[in-house]
Amino acid sequence: MNRSLLSLTASELESWFASRKQPKFRVRQLKKWLCTPGITEFDQMTNLPKALRDALSAEFSLRSMRVVTVLGTEADPAEKFLLELEDGNRIEAVILHNEQGQHTLCASTQVGCAMHCAFCASGLDGLVRNLTAGEILEQFLFAADLLLTRGHRLSHAVIMGMGEPTANLDALFQALALVTSDDGLGIGARKITISTVGIPQGIERMAELAHPYHLAISLHAPNDELRTQIMPSNRGIGLTSILRAADAYFEKTGRRVTYEYILIAGVNDSLENARELAGRLRGRNALVNLIPFNPVEGLPFKTPSANQVQRFAQTLESLGIQIALRHRKGEKINAACGQLRRSKS
């Protein structure tokens, strides 16, 4: 089986071209083709010499993933795809559609997850491995190709699929460099959000690299006792360290941090929880993204009533916290991370 061309690093690609005495501008031409929606065959790269196209085709493949299952349609707010990798492992990607005509990819960075959040299906089977930069990039190309057939364009991305992004930052940033490049997909960096469970070292590294991506932190609890119960990764870290790293990210980049808060009935949705959360975030330039829990088969958690969600939101707002209330998308298609992969394993 041919190697995936997308898995090569920039230096590996340049070395391959140099070994065949190809001028450097050919690398730029190829990269442009790689990120052009609808290009799935080397023969479509018409400004590359045929001999070069043949050599590329003999050694590499342009796509390595195959679609196993699709849930939802383009008419739904969310479409979910189970994708099989070259080694047989499977990941999930979701395309979110809204009434404003935006089409957002929710991309994965790992096969499985090591964080073991109690409410999430991704970590139920543990971490298998990191995705390569090529496998992350191919999710974007898959979405862009699909949307092109419908006359649409991939406009936004959230790195909120399977896995912990800060545990695979090198591969993620390598992929996003092409996603955001004018020679790539041309998606503005400010239209991309990276979501982390809250690993201070990862957040600090993101701040040092100073990419203009949005940062979202999965908070889900206002105190360490409750957070550690539902998010074991909090043990030994704590909210104080996470918020300190988030503050440093804001100071370095000037980008407001979003705090995600999944509301789980009877667990973290009380008005006392809301008041404690407001106390934690008061004085910070922050946005709280409230997300009613998406039920996961095999887990005991339930979704709060619409009235309780509104009361929680209103309490935060009354205490000066800016919120966004996310309406659940894809509940009927098991759009929560990891559900489809487990159901088809």
C-alpha atoms as a PDB file:
ATOM      1  CA  MET A   1       0.000   0.000   0.000  1.00  0.00           C
ATOM      2  CA  ASN A   2       1.327   3.439  -0.935  1.00  0.00           C
ATOM      3  CA  ARG A   3       2.223   5.892   1.816  1.00  0.00           C
ATOM      4  CA  SER A   4      -0.090   8.805   2.449  1.00  0.00           C
ATOM      5  CA  LEU A   5       1.493  11.924   0.967  1.00  0.00           C
ATOM      6  CA  LEU A   6      -0.170  14.010   3.676  1.00  0.00           C
ATOM      7  CA  SER A   7       1.844  12.185   6.343  1.00  0.00           C
ATOM      8  CA  LEU A   8       5.154  13.618   5.107  1.00  0.00           C
ATOM      9  CA  THR A   9       6.678  16.552   6.950  1.00  0.00           C
ATOM     10  CA  ALA A  10       7.663  19.634   4.977  1.00  0.00           C
ATOM     11  CA  SER A  11      11.340  18.628   5.109  1.00  0.00           C
ATOM     12  CA  GLU A  12      10.561  15.076   3.956  1.00  0.00           C
ATOM     13  CA  LEU A  13       8.562  16.425   1.046  1.00  0.00           C
ATOM     14  CA  GLU A  14      11.348  18.828   0.061  1.00  0.00           C
ATOM     15  CA  SER A  15      13.906  16.007   0.266  1.00  0.00           C
ATOM     16  CA  TRP A  16      11.789  13.791  -1.976  1.00  0.00           C
ATOM     17  CA  PHE A  17      11.590  16.520  -4.623  1.00  0.00           C
ATOM     18  CA  ALA A  18      15.292  17.348  -4.318  1.00  0.00           C
ATOM     19  CA  SER A  19      16.243  13.685  -4.780  1.00  0.00           C
ATOM     20  CA  ARG A  20      14.463  13.834  -8.126  1.00  0.00           C
ATOM     21  CA  LYS A  21      16.122  17.122  -9.056  1.00  0.00           C
ATOM     22  CA  GLN A  22      12.802  18.970  -9.033  1.00  0.00           C
ATOM     23  CA  PRO A  23      12.873  22.764  -8.493  1.00  0.00           C
ATOM     24  CA  LYS A  24      11.614  24.053  -5.148  1.00  0.00           C
ATOM     25  CA  PHE A  25       8.629  25.814  -6.677  1.00  0.00           C
ATOM     26  CA  ARG A  26       7.188  22.393  -7.519  1.00  0.00           C
ATOM     27  CA  VAL A  27       6.778  21.747  -3.791  1.00  0.00           C
ATOM     28  CA  ARG A  28       4.700  24.909  -3.476  1.00  0.00           C
ATOM     29  CA  GLN A  29       2.604  23.863  -6.450  1.00  0.00           C
ATOM     30  CA  LEU A  30       1.978  20.458  -4.929  1.00  0.00           C
ATOM     31  CA  LYS A  31       1.002  21.908  -1.552  1.00  0.00           C
ATOM     32  CA  LYS A  32      -1.516  24.147  -3.293  1.00  0.00           C
ATOM     33  CA  TRP A  33      -3.045  21.132  -5.012  1.00  0.00           C
ATOM     34  CA  LEU A  34      -3.088  19.097  -1.811  1.00  0.00           C
ATOM     35  CA  CYS A  35      -5.425  21.607  -0.190  1.00  0.00           C
ATOM     36  CA  THR A  36      -7.611  22.327  -3.204  1.00  0.00           C
ATOM     37  CA  PRO A  37     -11.073  20.846  -2.543  1.00  0.00           C
ATOM     38  CA  GLY A  38     -12.058  18.227  -5.074  1.00  0.00           C
ATOM     39  CA  ILE A  39      -8.518  17.184  -5.963  1.00  0.00           C
ATOM     40  CA  THR A  40      -8.291  13.469  -5.219  1.00  0.00           C
ATOM     41  CA  GLU A  41      -6.060  12.232  -8.070  1.00  0.00           C
ATOM     42  CA  PHE A  42      -2.518  13.244  -9.055  1.00  0.00           C
ATOM     43  CA  ASP A  43      -3.560  13.579 -12.710  1.00  0.00           C
ATOM     44  CA  GLN A  44      -5.751  16.535 -11.712  1.00  0.00           C
ATOM     45  CA  MET A  45      -2.592  18.506 -10.828  1.00  0.00           C
ATOM     46  CA  THR A  46      -2.259  19.867 -14.340  1.00  0.00           C
ATOM     47  CA  ASN A  47       0.696  22.231 -13.820  1.00  0.00           C
ATOM     48  CA  LEU A  48       2.941  19.392 -12.617  1.00  0.00           C
ATOM     49  CA  PRO A  49       4.878  17.486 -15.336  1.00  0.00           C
ATOM     50  CA  LYS A  50       3.310  14.134 -16.154  1.00  0.00           C
ATOM     51  CA  ALA A  51       6.487  12.265 -15.211  1.00  0.00           C
ATOM     52  CA  LEU A  52       6.338  13.887 -11.766  1.00  0.00           C
ATOM     53  CA  ARG A  53       2.663  13.038 -11.382  1.00  0.00           C
ATOM     54  CA  ASP A  54       3.392   9.443 -12.314  1.00  0.00           C
ATOM     55  CA  ALA A  55       6.247   9.249  -9.779  1.00  0.00           C
ATOM     56  CA  LEU A  56       4.032  10.662  -7.044  1.00  0.00           C
ATOM     57  CA  SER A  57       1.227   8.275  -7.923  1.00  0.00           C
ATOM     58  CA  ALA A  58       3.565   5.274  -7.885  1.00  0.00           C
ATOM     59  CA  GLU A  59       4.783   6.015  -4.365  1.00  0.00           C
ATOM     60  CA  PHE A  60       2.018   7.898  -2.557  1.00  0.00           C
ATOM     61  CA  SER A  61      -1.727   8.028  -2.053  1.00  0.00           C
ATOM     62  CA  LEU A  62      -3.663  11.276  -1.720  1.00  0.00           C
ATOM     63  CA  ARG A  63      -6.311   9.927   0.632  1.00  0.00           C
ATOM     64  CA  SER A  64      -5.829   7.273   3.288  1.00  0.00           C
ATOM     65  CA  MET A  65      -9.169   7.305   5.133  1.00  0.00           C
ATOM     66  CA  ARG A  66     -12.422   5.698   4.125  1.00  0.00           C
ATOM     67  CA  VAL A  67     -15.935   6.501   5.284  1.00  0.00           C
ATOM     68  CA  VAL A  68     -17.441   3.643   7.279  1.00  0.00           C
ATOM     69  CA  THR A  69     -20.695   5.186   8.471  1.00  0.00           C
ATOM     70  CA  VAL A  70     -22.562   8.466   8.043  1.00  0.00           C
ATOM     71  CA  LEU A  71     -25.249   9.678  10.427  1.00  0.00           C
ATOM     72  CA  GLY A  72     -27.402  12.664   9.558  1.00  0.00           C
ATOM     73  CA  THR A  73     -27.726  14.573   6.308  1.00  0.00           C
ATOM     74  CA  GLU A  74     -26.753  17.971   4.970  1.00  0.00           C
ATOM     75  CA  ALA A  75     -30.206  19.185   5.997  1.00  0.00           C
ATOM     76  CA  ASP A  76     -29.480  18.403   9.659  1.00  0.00           C
ATOM     77  CA  PRO A  77     -27.581  20.723  12.026  1.00  0.00           C
ATOM     78  CA  ALA A  78     -24.906  18.046  12.330  1.00  0.00           C
ATOM     79  CA  GLU A  79     -23.561  15.221  10.178  1.00  0.00           C
ATOM     80  CA  LYS A  80     -21.321  12.628  11.790  1.00  0.00           C
ATOM     81  CA  PHE A  81     -18.769  10.474   9.995  1.00  0.00           C
ATOM     82  CA  LEU A  82     -16.957   7.372  11.175  1.00  0.00           C
ATOM     83  CA  LEU A  83     -13.632   7.295   9.333  1.00  0.00           C
ATOM     84  CA  GLU A  84     -11.287   4.324   9.110  1.00  0.00           C
ATOM     85  CA  LEU A  85      -7.543   4.958   9.005  1.00  0.00           C
ATOM     86  CA  GLU A  86      -4.931   2.978   7.095  1.00  0.00           C
ATOM     87  CA  ASP A  87      -4.138   0.823  10.142  1.00  0.00           C
ATOM     88  CA  GLY A  88      -7.797  -0.047  10.724  1.00  0.00           C
ATOM     89  CA  ASN A  89      -8.310   2.307  13.657  1.00  0.00           C
ATOM     90  CA  ARG A  90     -11.388   4.513  13.524  1.00  0.00           C
ATOM     91  CA  ILE A  91     -12.039   8.136  14.400  1.00  0.00           C
ATOM     92  CA  GLU A  92     -14.993  10.470  14.205  1.00  0.00           C
ATOM     93  CA  ALA A  93     -15.506  13.815  12.519  1.00  0.00           C
ATOM     94  CA  VAL A  94     -18.597  15.996  12.592  1.00  0.00           C
ATOM     95  CA  ILE A  95     -19.668  18.743  10.207  1.00  0.00           C
ATOM     96  CA  LEU A  96     -21.907  21.340  11.843  1.00  0.00           C
ATOM     97  CA  HIS A  97     -24.199  23.524   9.736  1.00  0.00           C
ATOM     98  CA  ASN A  98     -25.982  26.691  10.829  1.00  0.00           C
ATOM     99  CA  GLU A  99     -28.609  29.006   9.413  1.00  0.00           C
ATOM    100  CA  GLN A 100     -25.993  31.654   8.615  1.00  0.00           C
ATOM    101  CA  GLY A 101     -24.440  29.336   6.039  1.00  0.00           C
ATOM    102  CA  GLN A 102     -21.381  28.477   8.116  1.00  0.00           C
ATOM    103  CA  HIS A 103     -20.008  24.951   7.885  1.00  0.00           C
ATOM    104  CA  THR A 104     -17.762  23.905  10.760  1.00  0.00           C
ATOM    105  CA  LEU A 105     -15.609  20.803  11.058  1.00  0.00           C
ATOM    106  CA  CYS A 106     -15.273  19.233  14.495  1.00  0.00           C
ATOM    107  CA  ALA A 107     -11.963  17.371  14.129  1.00  0.00           C
ATOM    108  CA  SER A 108     -10.233  14.669  16.180  1.00  0.00           C
ATOM    109  CA  THR A 109      -6.566  14.615  17.212  1.00  0.00           C
ATOM    110  CA  GLN A 110      -6.264  11.131  18.731  1.00  0.00           C
ATOM    111  CA  VAL A 111      -7.705   7.648  18.396  1.00  0.00           C
ATOM    112  CA  GLY A 112      -9.535   7.418  21.690  1.00  0.00           C
ATOM    113  CA  CYS A 113      -8.584   9.553  24.679  1.00  0.00           C
ATOM    114  CA  ALA A 114      -6.600   9.170  27.894  1.00  0.00           C
ATOM    115  CA  MET A 115      -8.516  11.795  29.899  1.00  0.00           C
ATOM    116  CA  HIS A 116     -11.380   9.460  30.970  1.00  0.00           C
ATOM    117  CA  CYS A 117     -13.940  12.214  31.553  1.00  0.00           C
ATOM    118  CA  ALA A 118     -16.891  10.461  33.176  1.00  0.00           C
ATOM    119  CA  PHE A 119     -19.480  11.934  30.806  1.00  0.00           C
ATOM    120  CA  CYS A 120     -17.603  11.366  27.515  1.00  0.00           C
ATOM    121  CA  ALA A 121     -17.652   8.278  25.272  1.00  0.00           C
ATOM    122  CA  SER A 122     -14.251   8.996  23.681  1.00  0.00           C
ATOM    123  CA  GLY A 123     -12.258   7.859  26.692  1.00  0.00           C
ATOM    124  CA  LEU A 124     -14.270   4.763  27.584  1.00  0.00           C
ATOM    125  CA  ASP A 125     -11.847   2.534  25.667  1.00  0.00           C
ATOM    126  CA  GLY A 126      -8.724   4.566  26.517  1.00  0.00           C
ATOM    127  CA  LEU A 127      -6.110   6.080  24.235  1.00  0.00           C
ATOM    128  CA  VAL A 128      -4.875   4.074  21.251  1.00  0.00           C
ATOM    129  CA  ARG A 129      -2.495   6.574  19.627  1.00  0.00           C
ATOM    130  CA  ASN A 130      -1.993  10.124  18.394  1.00  0.00           C
ATOM    131  CA  LEU A 131      -3.123  11.013  14.909  1.00  0.00           C
ATOM    132  CA  THR A 132      -0.446  12.102  12.451  1.00  0.00           C
ATOM    133  CA  ALA A 133      -0.507  15.596  10.988  1.00  0.00           C
ATOM    134  CA  GLY A 134      -1.659  14.023   7.726  1.00  0.00           C
ATOM    135  CA  GLU A 135      -4.578  12.263   9.408  1.00  0.00           C
ATOM    136  CA  ILE A 136      -5.673  15.502  11.062  1.00  0.00           C
ATOM    137  CA  LEU A 137      -5.336  17.409   7.795  1.00  0.00           C
ATOM    138  CA  GLU A 138      -7.232  14.743   5.877  1.00  0.00           C
ATOM    139  CA  GLN A 139     -10.306  15.321   8.047  1.00  0.00           C
ATOM    140  CA  PHE A 140     -10.315  18.915   6.817  1.00  0.00           C
ATOM    141  CA  LEU A 141      -9.846  17.830   3.209  1.00  0.00           C
ATOM    142  CA  PHE A 142     -12.620  15.256   3.531  1.00  0.00           C
ATOM    143  CA  ALA A 143     -15.010  17.926   4.819  1.00  0.00           C
ATOM    144  CA  ALA A 144     -13.935  20.436   2.162  1.00  0.00           C
ATOM    145  CA  ASP A 145     -14.346  17.853  -0.628  1.00  0.00           C
ATOM    146  CA  LEU A 146     -17.802  16.874   0.589  1.00  0.00           C
ATOM    147  CA  LEU A 147     -18.995  20.453   0.980  1.00  0.00           C
ATOM    148  CA  LEU A 148     -17.676  21.351  -2.488  1.00  0.00           C
ATOM    149  CA  THR A 149     -20.008  18.770  -4.059  1.00  0.00           C
ATOM    150  CA  ARG A 150     -22.877  20.715  -2.495  1.00  0.00           C
ATOM    151  CA  GLY A 151     -21.648  24.119  -3.523  1.00  0.00           C
ATOM    152  CA  HIS A 152     -20.469  25.042  -0.024  1.00  0.00           C
ATOM    153  CA  ARG A 153     -17.156  25.889   1.608  1.00  0.00           C
ATOM    154  CA  LEU A 154     -15.649  24.791   4.884  1.00  0.00           C
ATOM    155  CA  SER A 155     -15.589  28.025   6.884  1.00  0.00           C
ATOM    156  CA  HIS A 156     -14.727  27.179  10.498  1.00  0.00           C
ATOM    157  CA  ALA A 157     -13.191  24.437  12.619  1.00  0.00           C
ATOM    158  CA  VAL A 158     -13.301  23.326  16.237  1.00  0.00           C
ATOM    159  CA  ILE A 159     -10.693  20.897  17.512  1.00  0.00           C
ATOM    160  CA  MET A 160     -13.158  19.276  19.888  1.00  0.00           C
ATOM    161  CA  GLY A 161     -13.424  15.737  18.553  1.00  0.00           C
ATOM    162  CA  MET A 162     -11.783  12.627  19.943  1.00  0.00           C
ATOM    163  CA  GLY A 163      -8.644  13.120  22.003  1.00  0.00           C
ATOM    164  CA  GLU A 164      -6.820  15.839  23.938  1.00  0.00           C
ATOM    165  CA  PRO A 165      -5.339  18.351  21.439  1.00  0.00           C
ATOM    166  CA  THR A 166      -2.579  19.637  23.730  1.00  0.00           C
ATOM    167  CA  ALA A 167      -1.215  16.082  23.942  1.00  0.00           C
ATOM    168  CA  ASN A 168      -0.602  16.173  20.180  1.00  0.00           C
ATOM    169  CA  LEU A 169       0.240  19.809  19.489  1.00  0.00           C
ATOM    170  CA  ASP A 170       3.133  19.237  17.072  1.00  0.00           C
ATOM    171  CA  ALA A 171       0.975  17.242  14.665  1.00  0.00           C
ATOM    172  CA  LEU A 172      -1.998  19.558  15.144  1.00  0.00           C
ATOM    173  CA  PHE A 173      -0.060  22.731  14.406  1.00  0.00           C
ATOM    174  CA  GLN A 174       1.632  21.099  11.400  1.00  0.00           C
ATOM    175  CA  ALA A 175      -1.808  20.315   9.982  1.00  0.00           C
ATOM    176  CA  LEU A 176      -3.269  23.723  10.835  1.00  0.00           C
ATOM    177  CA  ALA A 177      -0.360  25.471   9.107  1.00  0.00           C
ATOM    178  CA  LEU A 178      -1.721  24.139   5.807  1.00  0.00           C
ATOM    179  CA  VAL A 179      -5.343  24.632   6.802  1.00  0.00           C
ATOM    180  CA  THR A 180      -4.771  28.338   7.457  1.00  0.00           C
ATOM    181  CA  SER A 181      -2.252  29.005   4.663  1.00  0.00           C
ATOM    182  CA  ASP A 182      -3.262  31.041   1.623  1.00  0.00           C
ATOM    183  CA  ASP A 183      -1.782  28.162  -0.365  1.00  0.00           C
ATOM    184  CA  GLY A 184      -3.848  25.721   1.668  1.00  0.00           C
ATOM    185  CA  LEU A 185      -7.524  25.798   2.628  1.00  0.00           C
ATOM    186  CA  GLY A 186      -7.309  29.461   3.567  1.00  0.00           C
ATOM    187  CA  ILE A 187      -9.428  29.167   6.722  1.00  0.00           C
ATOM    188  CA  GLY A 188      -8.586  32.104   8.967  1.00  0.00           C
ATOM    189  CA  ALA A 189      -6.822  31.153  12.196  1.00  0.00           C
ATOM    190  CA  ARG A 190      -9.365  33.239  14.104  1.00  0.00           C
ATOM    191  CA  LYS A 191     -12.073  30.887  12.825  1.00  0.00           C
ATOM    192  CA  ILE A 192     -10.437  27.900  14.511  1.00  0.00           C
ATOM    193  CA  THR A 193     -10.979  26.941  18.158  1.00  0.00           C
ATOM    194  CA  ILE A 194      -8.790  24.460  20.039  1.00  0.00           C
ATOM    195  CA  SER A 195     -10.491  22.835  23.012  1.00  0.00           C
ATOM    196  CA  THR A 196      -8.493  21.324  25.881  1.00  0.00           C
ATOM    197  CA  VAL A 197      -9.453  19.480  29.028  1.00  0.00           C
ATOM    198  CA  GLY A 198      -7.118  21.897  30.790  1.00  0.00           C
ATOM    199  CA  ILE A 199      -3.473  20.847  30.810  1.00  0.00           C
ATOM    200  CA  PRO A 200      -1.501  23.894  32.031  1.00  0.00           C
ATOM    201  CA  GLN A 201       1.714  22.929  30.208  1.00  0.00           C
ATOM    202  CA  GLY A 202      -0.196  22.571  26.947  1.00  0.00           C
ATOM    203  CA  ILE A 203      -1.975  25.892  27.411  1.00  0.00           C
ATOM    204  CA  GLU A 204       1.329  27.587  28.264  1.00  0.00           C
ATOM    205  CA  ARG A 205       2.949  26.152  25.153  1.00  0.00           C
ATOM    206  CA  MET A 206       0.072  27.445  23.044  1.00  0.00           C
ATOM    207  CA  ALA A 207       0.607  30.869  24.599  1.00  0.00           C
ATOM    208  CA  GLU A 208       4.348  30.777  23.816  1.00  0.00           C
ATOM    209  CA  LEU A 209       3.709  29.853  20.185  1.00  0.00           C
ATOM    210  CA  ALA A 210       1.190  32.732  20.027  1.00  0.00           C
ATOM    211  CA  HIS A 211      -0.931  31.347  17.212  1.00  0.00           C
ATOM    212  CA  PRO A 212      -4.134  33.387  16.836  1.00  0.00           C
ATOM    213  CA  TYR A 213      -6.420  30.410  17.431  1.00  0.00           C
ATOM    214  CA  HIS A 214      -9.223  30.583  19.949  1.00  0.00           C
ATOM    215  CA  LEU A 215      -8.697  28.632  23.165  1.00  0.00           C
ATOM    216  CA  ALA A 216     -11.557  26.794  24.826  1.00  0.00           C
ATOM    217  CA  ILE A 217     -11.143  25.036  28.165  1.00  0.00           C
ATOM    218  CA  SER A 218     -13.497  22.251  29.215  1.00  0.00           C
ATOM    219  CA  LEU A 219     -14.233  23.375  32.767  1.00  0.00           C
ATOM    220  CA  HIS A 220     -17.497  21.556  33.631  1.00  0.00           C
ATOM    221  CA  ALA A 221     -17.243  22.168  37.379  1.00  0.00           C
ATOM    222  CA  PRO A 222     -16.693  25.171  39.657  1.00  0.00           C
ATOM    223  CA  ASN A 223     -14.507  23.431  42.266  1.00  0.00           C
ATOM    224  CA  ASP A 224     -11.775  20.819  42.384  1.00  0.00           C
ATOM    225  CA  GLU A 225     -13.721  18.203  44.327  1.00  0.00           C
ATOM    226  CA  LEU A 226     -16.523  18.004  41.786  1.00  0.00           C
ATOM    227  CA  ARG A 227     -14.240  18.446  38.799  1.00  0.00           C
ATOM    228  CA  THR A 228     -11.971  15.595  39.857  1.00  0.00           C
ATOM    229  CA  GLN A 229     -15.010  13.332  40.269  1.00  0.00           C
ATOM    230  CA  ILE A 230     -16.118  13.834  36.671  1.00  0.00           C
ATOM    231  CA  MET A 231     -12.727  14.702  35.144  1.00  0.00           C
ATOM    232  CA  PRO A 232      -9.942  12.562  36.678  1.00  0.00           C
ATOM    233  CA  SER A 233      -7.299  14.562  34.772  1.00  0.00           C
ATOM    234  CA  ASN A 234      -7.941  17.376  37.257  1.00  0.00           C
ATOM    235  CA  ARG A 235      -6.273  15.364  40.029  1.00  0.00           C
ATOM    236  CA  GLY A 236      -2.884  16.866  40.804  1.00  0.00           C
ATOM    237  CA  ILE A 237      -3.558  19.901  38.585  1.00  0.00           C
ATOM    238  CA  GLY A 238      -6.492  21.849  39.999  1.00  0.00           C
ATOM    239  CA  LEU A 239      -8.555  24.761  38.770  1.00  0.00           C
ATOM    240  CA  THR A 240      -6.169  27.384  40.118  1.00  0.00           C
ATOM    241  CA  SER A 241      -3.338  26.161  37.875  1.00  0.00           C
ATOM    242  CA  ILE A 242      -5.632  25.878  34.875  1.00  0.00           C
ATOM    243  CA  LEU A 243      -7.037  29.374  35.292  1.00  0.00           C
ATOM    244  CA  ARG A 244      -3.531  30.790  35.829  1.00  0.00           C
ATOM    245  CA  ALA A 245      -2.429  29.243  32.522  1.00  0.00           C
ATOM    246  CA  ALA A 246      -5.547  30.597  30.823  1.00  0.00           C
ATOM    247  CA  ASP A 247      -4.824  34.079  32.174  1.00  0.00           C
ATOM    248  CA  ALA A 248      -1.295  33.846  30.753  1.00  0.00           C
ATOM    249  CA  TYR A 249      -2.735  32.814  27.388  1.00  0.00           C
ATOM    250  CA  PHE A 250      -4.998  35.873  27.366  1.00  0.00           C
ATOM    251  CA  GLU A 251      -2.153  38.201  28.381  1.00  0.00           C
ATOM    252  CA  LYS A 252       0.134  36.797  25.677  1.00  0.00           C
ATOM    253  CA  THR A 253      -2.345  36.609  22.797  1.00  0.00           C
ATOM    254  CA  GLY A 254      -5.112  39.040  23.686  1.00  0.00           C
ATOM    255  CA  ARG A 255      -7.593  36.289  22.787  1.00  0.00           C
ATOM    256  CA  ARG A 256     -10.559  35.869  25.114  1.00  0.00           C
ATOM    257  CA  VAL A 257     -10.744  32.377  26.594  1.00  0.00           C
ATOM    258  CA  THR A 258     -13.948  30.357  26.337  1.00  0.00           C
ATOM    259  CA  TYR A 259     -14.866  28.054  29.209  1.00  0.00           C
ATOM    260  CA  GLU A 260     -17.042  25.124  28.198  1.00  0.00           C
ATOM    261  CA  TYR A 261     -19.479  23.869  30.774  1.00  0.00           C
ATOM    262  CA  ILE A 262     -21.555  20.762  30.051  1.00  0.00           C
ATOM    263  CA  LEU A 263     -24.657  20.859  32.241  1.00  0.00           C
ATOM    264  CA  ILE A 264     -25.391  17.439  33.749  1.00  0.00           C
ATOM    265  CA  ALA A 265     -28.625  17.005  35.684  1.00  0.00           C
ATOM    266  CA  GLY A 266     -28.083  16.692  39.417  1.00  0.00           C
ATOM    267  CA  VAL A 267     -24.292  16.799  39.084  1.00  0.00           C
ATOM    268  CA  ASN A 268     -23.127  20.331  38.231  1.00  0.00           C
ATOM    269  CA  ASP A 269     -26.289  22.246  37.302  1.00  0.00           C
ATOM    270  CA  SER A 270     -27.408  23.695  40.640  1.00  0.00           C
ATOM    271  CA  LEU A 271     -27.712  27.435  41.187  1.00  0.00           C
ATOM    272  CA  GLU A 272     -25.065  27.082  43.892  1.00  0.00           C
ATOM    273  CA  ASN A 273     -22.752  25.657  41.203  1.00  0.00           C
ATOM    274  CA  ALA A 274     -23.579  28.648  39.005  1.00  0.00           C
ATOM    275  CA  ARG A 275     -22.773  31.136  41.743  1.00  0.00           C
ATOM    276  CA  GLU A 276     -19.498  29.377  42.556  1.00  0.00           C
ATOM    277  CA  LEU A 277     -18.553  29.332  38.864  1.00  0.00           C
ATOM    278  CA  ALA A 278     -19.253  33.060  38.604  1.00  0.00           C
ATOM    279  CA  GLY A 279     -16.984  33.646  41.579  1.00  0.00           C
ATOM    280  CA  ARG A 280     -14.185  31.707  39.897  1.00  0.00           C
ATOM    281  CA  LEU A 281     -14.423  33.682  36.653  1.00  0.00           C
ATOM    282  CA  ARG A 282     -15.316  37.147  37.931  1.00  0.00           C
ATOM    283  CA  GLY A 283     -12.898  39.784  36.648  1.00  0.00           C
ATOM    284  CA  ARG A 284     -11.711  37.682  33.730  1.00  0.00           C
ATOM    285  CA  ASN A 285     -12.394  38.458  30.077  1.00  0.00           C
ATOM    286  CA  ALA A 286     -14.142  35.146  29.601  1.00  0.00           C
ATOM    287  CA  LEU A 287     -17.087  33.560  27.849  1.00  0.00           C
ATOM    288  CA  VAL A 288     -18.905  30.576  29.359  1.00  0.00           C
ATOM    289  CA  ASN A 289     -20.304  28.222  26.743  1.00  0.00           C
ATOM    290  CA  LEU A 290     -23.160  26.324  28.370  1.00  0.00           C
ATOM    291  CA  ILE A 291     -23.875  22.953  26.758  1.00  0.00           C
ATOM    292  CA  PRO A 292     -26.750  20.716  27.900  1.00  0.00           C
ATOM    293  CA  PHE A 293     -25.440  17.153  28.234  1.00  0.00           C
ATOM    294  CA  ASN A 294     -25.807  14.959  25.130  1.00  0.00           C
ATOM    295  CA  PRO A 295     -26.927  11.520  26.428  1.00  0.00           C
ATOM    296  CA  VAL A 296     -24.438   8.676  25.963  1.00  0.00           C
ATOM    297  CA  GLU A 297     -25.593   5.071  25.995  1.00  0.00           C
ATOM    298  CA  GLY A 298     -24.081   3.215  28.923  1.00  0.00           C
ATOM    299  CA  LEU A 299     -23.468   6.318  31.027  1.00  0.00           C
ATOM    300  CA  PRO A 300     -25.766   7.240  33.936  1.00  0.00           C
ATOM    301  CA  PHE A 301     -25.956  10.982  33.329  1.00  0.00           C
ATOM    302  CA  LYS A 302     -29.043  12.896  32.195  1.00  0.00           C
ATOM    303  CA  THR A 303     -29.803  16.205  30.527  1.00  0.00           C
ATOM    304  CA  PRO A 304     -31.181  18.979  32.773  1.00  0.00           C
ATOM    305  CA  SER A 305     -34.631  20.353  32.058  1.00  0.00           C
ATOM    306  CA  ALA A 306     -34.836  23.389  29.789  1.00  0.00           C
ATOM    307  CA  ASN A 307     -36.044  25.390  32.795  1.00  0.00           C
ATOM    308  CA  GLN A 308     -33.005  24.415  34.872  1.00  0.00           C
ATOM    309  CA  VAL A 309     -30.655  25.293  32.016  1.00  0.00           C
ATOM    310  CA  GLN A 310     -32.259  28.734  31.750  1.00  0.00           C
ATOM    311  CA  ARG A 311     -32.046  29.318  35.505  1.00  0.00           C
ATOM    312  CA  PHE A 312     -28.355  28.384  35.506  1.00  0.00           C
ATOM    313  CA  ALA A 313     -27.700  30.731  32.574  1.00  0.00           C
ATOM    314  CA  GLN A 314     -29.637  33.587  34.126  1.00  0.00           C
ATOM    315  CA  THR A 315     -27.763  33.214  37.407  1.00  0.00           C
ATOM    316  CA  LEU A 316     -24.413  33.559  35.638  1.00  0.00           C
ATOM    317  CA  GLU A 317     -25.600  36.584  33.670  1.00  0.00           C
ATOM    318  CA  SER A 318     -26.971  38.258  36.795  1.00  0.00           C
ATOM    319  CA  LEU A 319     -23.497  37.941  38.322  1.00  0.00           C
ATOM    320  CA  GLY A 320     -21.799  39.598  35.349  1.00  0.00           C
ATOM    321  CA  ILE A 321     -20.615  36.510  33.452  1.00  0.00           C
ATOM    322  CA  GLN A 322     -20.977  36.535  29.677  1.00  0.00           C
ATOM    323  CA  ILE A 323     -22.512  33.324  28.392  1.00  0.00           C
ATOM    324  CA  ALA A 324     -23.429  31.529  25.203  1.00  0.00           C
ATOM    325  CA  LEU A 325     -26.088  28.853  25.434  1.00  0.00           C
ATOM    326  CA  ARG A 326     -25.392  26.156  22.879  1.00  0.00           C
ATOM    327  CA  HIS A 327     -28.386  24.295  21.546  1.00  0.00           C
ATOM    328  CA  ARG A 328     -27.665  20.603  21.267  1.00  0.00           C
ATOM    329  CA  LYS A 329     -26.893  19.472  17.740  1.00  0.00           C
ATOM    330  CA  GLY A 330     -26.906  15.882  16.653  1.00  0.00           C
ATOM    331  CA  GLU A 331     -28.484  14.249  19.691  1.00  0.00           C
ATOM    332  CA  LYS A 332     -30.457  11.954  17.397  1.00  0.00           C
ATOM    333  CA  ILE A 333     -27.290  10.884  15.562  1.00  0.00           C
ATOM    334  CA  ASN A 334     -25.128  10.229  18.656  1.00  0.00           C
ATOM    335  CA  ALA A 335     -22.966  13.261  17.871  1.00  0.00           C
ATOM    336  CA  ALA A 336     -21.232  13.279  21.248  1.00  0.00           C
ATOM    337  CA  CYS A 337     -17.555  12.367  20.896  1.00  0.00           C
ATOM    338  CA  GLY A 338     -16.810   8.660  20.670  1.00  0.00           C
ATOM    339  CA  GLN A 339     -20.369   7.340  20.540  1.00  0.00           C
ATOM    340  CA  LEU A 340     -20.402   6.267  16.901  1.00  0.00           C
ATOM    341  CA  ARG A 341     -16.941   4.672  17.077  1.00  0.00           C
ATOM    342  CA  ARG A 342     -17.955   2.537  20.055  1.00  0.00           C
ATOM    343  CA  SER A 343     -21.270   1.502  18.497  1.00  0.00           C
ATOM    344  CA  LYS A 344     -19.494   0.257  15.362  1.00  0.00           C
ATOM    345  CA  SER A 345     -16.494  -1.397  17.014  1.00  0.00           C
END
